[in-house]
């Protein structure tokens, strides 16, 4: 299951990051790493962007980036 598929109000744990090179590095630099908990705050009406809370701060992710984050 990916972060994009999670409904609002749920907290999930990151289990794997897909993607390569600079894209994966950028996601990791935002604080999204394996084992961290992510709370889905809002999803825009068309699904892009997804607003999440990670490590105590709010972050907006594009739909394509959210699909690269596998959660449980």
C-alpha atoms as a PDB file:
ATOM      1  CA  UNK A   1       0.000   0.000   0.000  1.00  0.00           C
ATOM      2  CA  UNK A   2       1.306   3.476  -0.814  1.00  0.00           C
ATOM      3  CA  UNK A   3       0.885   6.784   1.015  1.00  0.00           C
ATOM      4  CA  UNK A   4      -1.378   8.037  -1.774  1.00  0.00           C
ATOM      5  CA  UNK A   5      -3.978   5.352  -0.963  1.00  0.00           C
ATOM      6  CA  UNK A   6      -4.304   6.306   2.728  1.00  0.00           C
ATOM      7  CA  UNK A   7      -7.464   8.283   3.671  1.00  0.00           C
ATOM      8  CA  UNK A   8      -7.430  11.457   5.776  1.00  0.00           C
ATOM      9  CA  UNK A   9      -6.991  11.075   9.516  1.00  0.00           C
ATOM     10  CA  UNK A  10      -4.902   7.898   9.446  1.00  0.00           C
ATOM     11  CA  UNK A  11      -1.407   7.399  10.824  1.00  0.00           C
ATOM     12  CA  UNK A  12       0.855   4.947   9.024  1.00  0.00           C
ATOM     13  CA  UNK A  13       4.440   3.758   9.259  1.00  0.00           C
ATOM     14  CA  UNK A  14       6.838   3.994   6.299  1.00  0.00           C
ATOM     15  CA  UNK A  15       8.204   0.580   5.364  1.00  0.00           C
ATOM     16  CA  UNK A  16       9.977   1.292   2.050  1.00  0.00           C
ATOM     17  CA  UNK A  17      10.921   4.125  -0.296  1.00  0.00           C
ATOM     18  CA  UNK A  18      10.797   3.442  -4.008  1.00  0.00           C
ATOM     19  CA  UNK A  19      12.355   5.662  -6.640  1.00  0.00           C
ATOM     20  CA  UNK A  20      15.890   6.380  -7.674  1.00  0.00           C
ATOM     21  CA  UNK A  21      18.644   8.935  -7.282  1.00  0.00           C
ATOM     22  CA  UNK A  22      17.711  12.564  -6.644  1.00  0.00           C
ATOM     23  CA  UNK A  23      13.972  11.914  -6.206  1.00  0.00           C
ATOM     24  CA  UNK A  24      14.523   9.360  -3.444  1.00  0.00           C
ATOM     25  CA  UNK A  25      17.155  11.600  -1.838  1.00  0.00           C
ATOM     26  CA  UNK A  26      14.738  14.566  -1.813  1.00  0.00           C
ATOM     27  CA  UNK A  27      12.036  12.489  -0.087  1.00  0.00           C
ATOM     28  CA  UNK A  28      14.555  11.345   2.525  1.00  0.00           C
ATOM     29  CA  UNK A  29      15.768  14.932   3.045  1.00  0.00           C
ATOM     30  CA  UNK A  30      12.172  15.904   3.898  1.00  0.00           C
ATOM     31  CA  UNK A  31      12.337  13.490   6.850  1.00  0.00           C
ATOM     32  CA  UNK A  32      10.454  10.585   5.314  1.00  0.00           C
ATOM     33  CA  UNK A  33      12.601   7.564   6.059  1.00  0.00           C
ATOM     34  CA  UNK A  34      11.965   3.902   6.835  1.00  0.00           C
ATOM     35  CA  UNK A  35      10.215   3.413  10.179  1.00  0.00           C
ATOM     36  CA  UNK A  36       8.922   6.979  10.616  1.00  0.00           C
ATOM     37  CA  UNK A  37       5.223   7.573  11.339  1.00  0.00           C
ATOM     38  CA  UNK A  38       3.253   9.758   8.930  1.00  0.00           C
ATOM     39  CA  UNK A  39      -0.157  11.280   9.696  1.00  0.00           C
ATOM     40  CA  UNK A  40      -2.306  12.108   6.648  1.00  0.00           C
ATOM     41  CA  UNK A  41      -3.908  15.492   7.390  1.00  0.00           C
ATOM     42  CA  UNK A  42      -5.624  16.432   4.134  1.00  0.00           C
ATOM     43  CA  UNK A  43      -5.994  15.252   0.570  1.00  0.00           C
ATOM     44  CA  UNK A  44      -6.906  17.813  -2.096  1.00  0.00           C
ATOM     45  CA  UNK A  45     -10.149  17.194  -4.020  1.00  0.00           C
ATOM     46  CA  UNK A  46      -8.312  15.847  -7.073  1.00  0.00           C
ATOM     47  CA  UNK A  47      -5.787  13.967  -4.929  1.00  0.00           C
ATOM     48  CA  UNK A  48      -2.853  16.312  -5.517  1.00  0.00           C
ATOM     49  CA  UNK A  49      -1.241  17.382  -3.175  1.00  0.00           C
ATOM     50  CA  UNK A  50      -1.426  15.261  -0.043  1.00  0.00           C
ATOM     51  CA  UNK A  51      -0.755  17.115   3.227  1.00  0.00           C
ATOM     52  CA  UNK A  52       0.973  15.057   5.911  1.00  0.00           C
ATOM     53  CA  UNK A  53       2.594  15.546   9.312  1.00  0.00           C
ATOM     54  CA  UNK A  54       6.068  14.022   9.643  1.00  0.00           C
ATOM     55  CA  UNK A  55       8.369  14.396  12.672  1.00  0.00           C
ATOM     56  CA  UNK A  56       6.273  17.259  14.038  1.00  0.00           C
ATOM     57  CA  UNK A  57       6.044  19.411  10.914  1.00  0.00           C
ATOM     58  CA  UNK A  58       3.589  19.685   8.044  1.00  0.00           C
ATOM     59  CA  UNK A  59       4.527  18.734   4.535  1.00  0.00           C
ATOM     60  CA  UNK A  60       2.761  18.709   1.177  1.00  0.00           C
ATOM     61  CA  UNK A  61       3.605  15.919  -1.236  1.00  0.00           C
ATOM     62  CA  UNK A  62       2.785  15.554  -4.884  1.00  0.00           C
ATOM     63  CA  UNK A  63       0.717  12.548  -5.875  1.00  0.00           C
ATOM     64  CA  UNK A  64       3.674  11.048  -7.773  1.00  0.00           C
ATOM     65  CA  UNK A  65       5.929  11.368  -4.707  1.00  0.00           C
ATOM     66  CA  UNK A  66       3.291   9.859  -2.392  1.00  0.00           C
ATOM     67  CA  UNK A  67       3.089   6.807  -4.667  1.00  0.00           C
ATOM     68  CA  UNK A  68       6.801   6.129  -4.097  1.00  0.00           C
ATOM     69  CA  UNK A  69       6.300   5.743  -0.337  1.00  0.00           C
ATOM     70  CA  UNK A  70       5.164   2.282   0.765  1.00  0.00           C
ATOM     71  CA  UNK A  71       3.434   2.195   4.149  1.00  0.00           C
ATOM     72  CA  UNK A  72       1.868  -0.325   6.533  1.00  0.00           C
END
